Every structure is written in C-alpha cells, then in structure tokens.
C-alpha cells in the first residue's frame, strides 16, 4: 500500500492507499488473534489435550477464516493496481502488462 501511495499522483489514490493500509493492518491483527487464541481463553497456548485430541475441534475453520482474510487483502491490492494503472496515459497493451505483473501475486 505504501508503494501505491508513493507512485500515485492523485489525492484520491493516496487516500485509498491509507484506507487500504488501515484495513490490511486490521485484518492482519485479526488473523494473529485467530491463530493465537484458542477455545480456552484462560490458557490460550494449550491447543491439544493430554491424549493428543483437539480440545476445540478442528483448526480448519480458523485457518479458513485466516486464508479468506488473506485472499480479500490480495484481491484488494490487485483492484488498487488496476485502478491506478488504468487511468494512466499509456497504450492498452502496456497497461495490461503492468496489471499482469501486479496480478502475479494472486493465489
């Protein structure tokens, strides 16, 4: 996001970059909380019981939420790149190459 802020010349692009940075930091914090906190909040570091079975069931739901937040962040970055590049005065094939380069990040 700071790269987008740095290379953009328009005021609206800079505001969008700051908003996107705030959203990304918030989603990152939520992801850390989802991966760090388990069901028993009095002892969040304990994930498995004595027999090796999960106390809270599967971690699959937690990781689906974290991956969903990650995908949303990556798609948002790609949309920002498309919005930034499409307004430039350049040939369409040049714009598509730049958008393709930013799109290589997508999962």
C-alpha atoms as a PDB file:
ATOM      1  CA  UNK A   1       0.000   0.000   0.000  1.00  0.00           C
ATOM      2  CA  UNK A   2       2.842   2.354   0.706  1.00  0.00           C
ATOM      3  CA  UNK A   3       4.167   1.651  -2.795  1.00  0.00           C
ATOM      4  CA  UNK A   4       0.791   2.644  -4.241  1.00  0.00           C
ATOM      5  CA  UNK A   5       0.825   5.787  -2.134  1.00  0.00           C
ATOM      6  CA  UNK A   6       4.339   6.606  -3.282  1.00  0.00           C
ATOM      7  CA  UNK A   7       3.771   6.130  -7.026  1.00  0.00           C
ATOM      8  CA  UNK A   8       0.332   7.701  -7.251  1.00  0.00           C
ATOM      9  CA  UNK A   9      -0.064  11.352  -8.065  1.00  0.00           C
ATOM     10  CA  UNK A  10      -3.754  11.793  -7.368  1.00  0.00           C
ATOM     11  CA  UNK A  11      -5.098  12.805  -3.982  1.00  0.00           C
ATOM     12  CA  UNK A  12      -7.825  10.142  -4.115  1.00  0.00           C
ATOM     13  CA  UNK A  13      -5.269   7.379  -4.752  1.00  0.00           C
ATOM     14  CA  UNK A  14      -3.294   8.452  -1.703  1.00  0.00           C
ATOM     15  CA  UNK A  15      -6.406   8.421   0.478  1.00  0.00           C
ATOM     16  CA  UNK A  16      -7.347   4.983  -0.847  1.00  0.00           C
ATOM     17  CA  UNK A  17      -3.815   3.786  -0.037  1.00  0.00           C
ATOM     18  CA  UNK A  18      -4.081   4.974   3.558  1.00  0.00           C
ATOM     19  CA  UNK A  19      -7.513   3.372   3.966  1.00  0.00           C
ATOM     20  CA  UNK A  20      -6.234   0.118   2.440  1.00  0.00           C
ATOM     21  CA  UNK A  21      -3.233   0.173   4.786  1.00  0.00           C
ATOM     22  CA  UNK A  22      -5.542   0.555   7.777  1.00  0.00           C
ATOM     23  CA  UNK A  23      -7.780  -2.276   6.584  1.00  0.00           C
ATOM     24  CA  UNK A  24      -4.787  -4.528   5.947  1.00  0.00           C
ATOM     25  CA  UNK A  25      -3.320  -3.837   9.384  1.00  0.00           C
ATOM     26  CA  UNK A  26      -6.692  -4.555  10.983  1.00  0.00           C
ATOM     27  CA  UNK A  27      -7.109  -7.813   9.059  1.00  0.00           C
ATOM     28  CA  UNK A  28      -3.553  -8.802   9.965  1.00  0.00           C
ATOM     29  CA  UNK A  29      -4.269  -8.181  13.644  1.00  0.00           C
ATOM     30  CA  UNK A  30      -7.474 -10.238  13.421  1.00  0.00           C
ATOM     31  CA  UNK A  31      -5.523 -13.051  11.724  1.00  0.00           C
ATOM     32  CA  UNK A  32      -2.948 -13.056  14.518  1.00  0.00           C
ATOM     33  CA  UNK A  33      -5.728 -13.203  17.114  1.00  0.00           C
ATOM     34  CA  UNK A  34      -7.453 -16.045  15.253  1.00  0.00           C
ATOM     35  CA  UNK A  35      -4.276 -18.093  15.115  1.00  0.00           C
ATOM     36  CA  UNK A  36      -3.106 -17.258  18.648  1.00  0.00           C
ATOM     37  CA  UNK A  37      -6.294 -17.607  20.678  1.00  0.00           C
ATOM     38  CA  UNK A  38      -7.873 -20.997  21.125  1.00  0.00           C
ATOM     39  CA  UNK A  39     -11.137 -22.017  22.768  1.00  0.00           C
ATOM     40  CA  UNK A  40      -9.926 -21.948  26.369  1.00  0.00           C
ATOM     41  CA  UNK A  41      -9.030 -18.293  26.858  1.00  0.00           C
ATOM     42  CA  UNK A  42      -7.675 -18.896  30.361  1.00  0.00           C
ATOM     43  CA  UNK A  43      -4.875 -20.953  28.747  1.00  0.00           C
ATOM     44  CA  UNK A  44      -4.743 -19.895  25.065  1.00  0.00           C
ATOM     45  CA  UNK A  45      -1.382 -21.558  24.483  1.00  0.00           C
ATOM     46  CA  UNK A  46      -2.843 -25.035  25.031  1.00  0.00           C
ATOM     47  CA  UNK A  47      -4.200 -26.326  21.771  1.00  0.00           C
ATOM     48  CA  UNK A  48      -4.309 -30.066  22.294  1.00  0.00           C
ATOM     49  CA  UNK A  49      -5.429 -32.168  25.221  1.00  0.00           C
ATOM     50  CA  UNK A  50      -3.361 -34.787  27.018  1.00  0.00           C
ATOM     51  CA  UNK A  51      -4.478 -37.544  24.645  1.00  0.00           C
ATOM     52  CA  UNK A  52      -3.445 -35.519  21.604  1.00  0.00           C
ATOM     53  CA  UNK A  53      -7.002 -34.814  20.510  1.00  0.00           C
ATOM     54  CA  UNK A  54      -8.067 -31.249  19.842  1.00  0.00           C
ATOM     55  CA  UNK A  55      -9.979 -29.641  22.696  1.00  0.00           C
ATOM     56  CA  UNK A  56     -11.865 -27.291  20.410  1.00  0.00           C
ATOM     57  CA  UNK A  57     -12.331 -29.482  17.405  1.00  0.00           C
ATOM     58  CA  UNK A  58     -10.648 -28.787  14.124  1.00  0.00           C
ATOM     59  CA  UNK A  59      -8.443 -25.811  13.431  1.00  0.00           C
ATOM     60  CA  UNK A  60      -9.678 -25.952   9.859  1.00  0.00           C
ATOM     61  CA  UNK A  61     -12.359 -23.293  10.467  1.00  0.00           C
ATOM     62  CA  UNK A  62      -9.827 -20.884  11.960  1.00  0.00           C
ATOM     63  CA  UNK A  63      -7.452 -21.312   9.035  1.00  0.00           C
ATOM     64  CA  UNK A  64     -10.281 -20.928   6.517  1.00  0.00           C
ATOM     65  CA  UNK A  65     -11.053 -17.555   8.086  1.00  0.00           C
ATOM     66  CA  UNK A  66      -7.387 -16.513   8.012  1.00  0.00           C
ATOM     67  CA  UNK A  67      -6.987 -17.581   4.377  1.00  0.00           C
ATOM     68  CA  UNK A  68     -10.217 -15.776   3.500  1.00  0.00           C
ATOM     69  CA  UNK A  69      -8.830 -12.561   5.000  1.00  0.00           C
ATOM     70  CA  UNK A  70      -5.579 -13.076   3.085  1.00  0.00           C
ATOM     71  CA  UNK A  71      -7.398 -13.593  -0.214  1.00  0.00           C
ATOM     72  CA  UNK A  72      -9.513 -10.494   0.400  1.00  0.00           C
ATOM     73  CA  UNK A  73      -6.353  -8.472   1.013  1.00  0.00           C
ATOM     74  CA  UNK A  74      -4.660  -9.755  -2.149  1.00  0.00           C
ATOM     75  CA  UNK A  75      -7.727  -9.090  -4.314  1.00  0.00           C
ATOM     76  CA  UNK A  76      -7.963  -5.592  -2.845  1.00  0.00           C
ATOM     77  CA  UNK A  77      -4.329  -4.901  -3.734  1.00  0.00           C
ATOM     78  CA  UNK A  78      -4.931  -6.134  -7.274  1.00  0.00           C
ATOM     79  CA  UNK A  79      -8.008  -3.919  -7.658  1.00  0.00           C
ATOM     80  CA  UNK A  80      -5.977  -0.952  -6.401  1.00  0.00           C
ATOM     81  CA  UNK A  81      -3.299  -1.684  -9.012  1.00  0.00           C
ATOM     82  CA  UNK A  82      -5.876  -1.921 -11.804  1.00  0.00           C
ATOM     83  CA  UNK A  83      -7.479   1.344 -10.692  1.00  0.00           C
ATOM     84  CA  UNK A  84      -4.123   3.093 -10.513  1.00  0.00           C
ATOM     85  CA  UNK A  85      -2.771   1.815 -13.849  1.00  0.00           C
ATOM     86  CA  UNK A  86      -5.937   2.148 -15.904  1.00  0.00           C
ATOM     87  CA  UNK A  87      -6.020   5.919 -15.516  1.00  0.00           C
ATOM     88  CA  UNK A  88      -2.517   6.373 -16.950  1.00  0.00           C
ATOM     89  CA  UNK A  89      -1.924   7.756 -20.409  1.00  0.00           C
ATOM     90  CA  UNK A  90      -0.326   4.704 -21.989  1.00  0.00           C
ATOM     91  CA  UNK A  91      -1.138   2.121 -24.608  1.00  0.00           C
ATOM     92  CA  UNK A  92      -3.582  -0.569 -23.547  1.00  0.00           C
ATOM     93  CA  UNK A  93      -1.043  -3.387 -24.038  1.00  0.00           C
ATOM     94  CA  UNK A  94       1.402  -1.560 -21.745  1.00  0.00           C
ATOM     95  CA  UNK A  95      -1.278  -1.188 -19.095  1.00  0.00           C
ATOM     96  CA  UNK A  96      -2.159  -4.873 -19.409  1.00  0.00           C
ATOM     97  CA  UNK A  97       1.480  -5.854 -18.902  1.00  0.00           C
ATOM     98  CA  UNK A  98       1.721  -3.803 -15.721  1.00  0.00           C
ATOM     99  CA  UNK A  99      -1.590  -5.205 -14.464  1.00  0.00           C
ATOM    100  CA  UNK A 100      -0.356  -8.718 -15.273  1.00  0.00           C
ATOM    101  CA  UNK A 101       2.786  -8.062 -13.214  1.00  0.00           C
ATOM    102  CA  UNK A 102       0.684  -6.985 -10.240  1.00  0.00           C
ATOM    103  CA  UNK A 103      -1.653  -9.940 -10.840  1.00  0.00           C
ATOM    104  CA  UNK A 104       1.142 -12.472 -10.352  1.00  0.00           C
ATOM    105  CA  UNK A 105       0.618 -12.037  -6.612  1.00  0.00           C
ATOM    106  CA  UNK A 106      -2.865 -13.539  -6.726  1.00  0.00           C
ATOM    107  CA  UNK A 107      -3.176 -17.039  -5.277  1.00  0.00           C
END
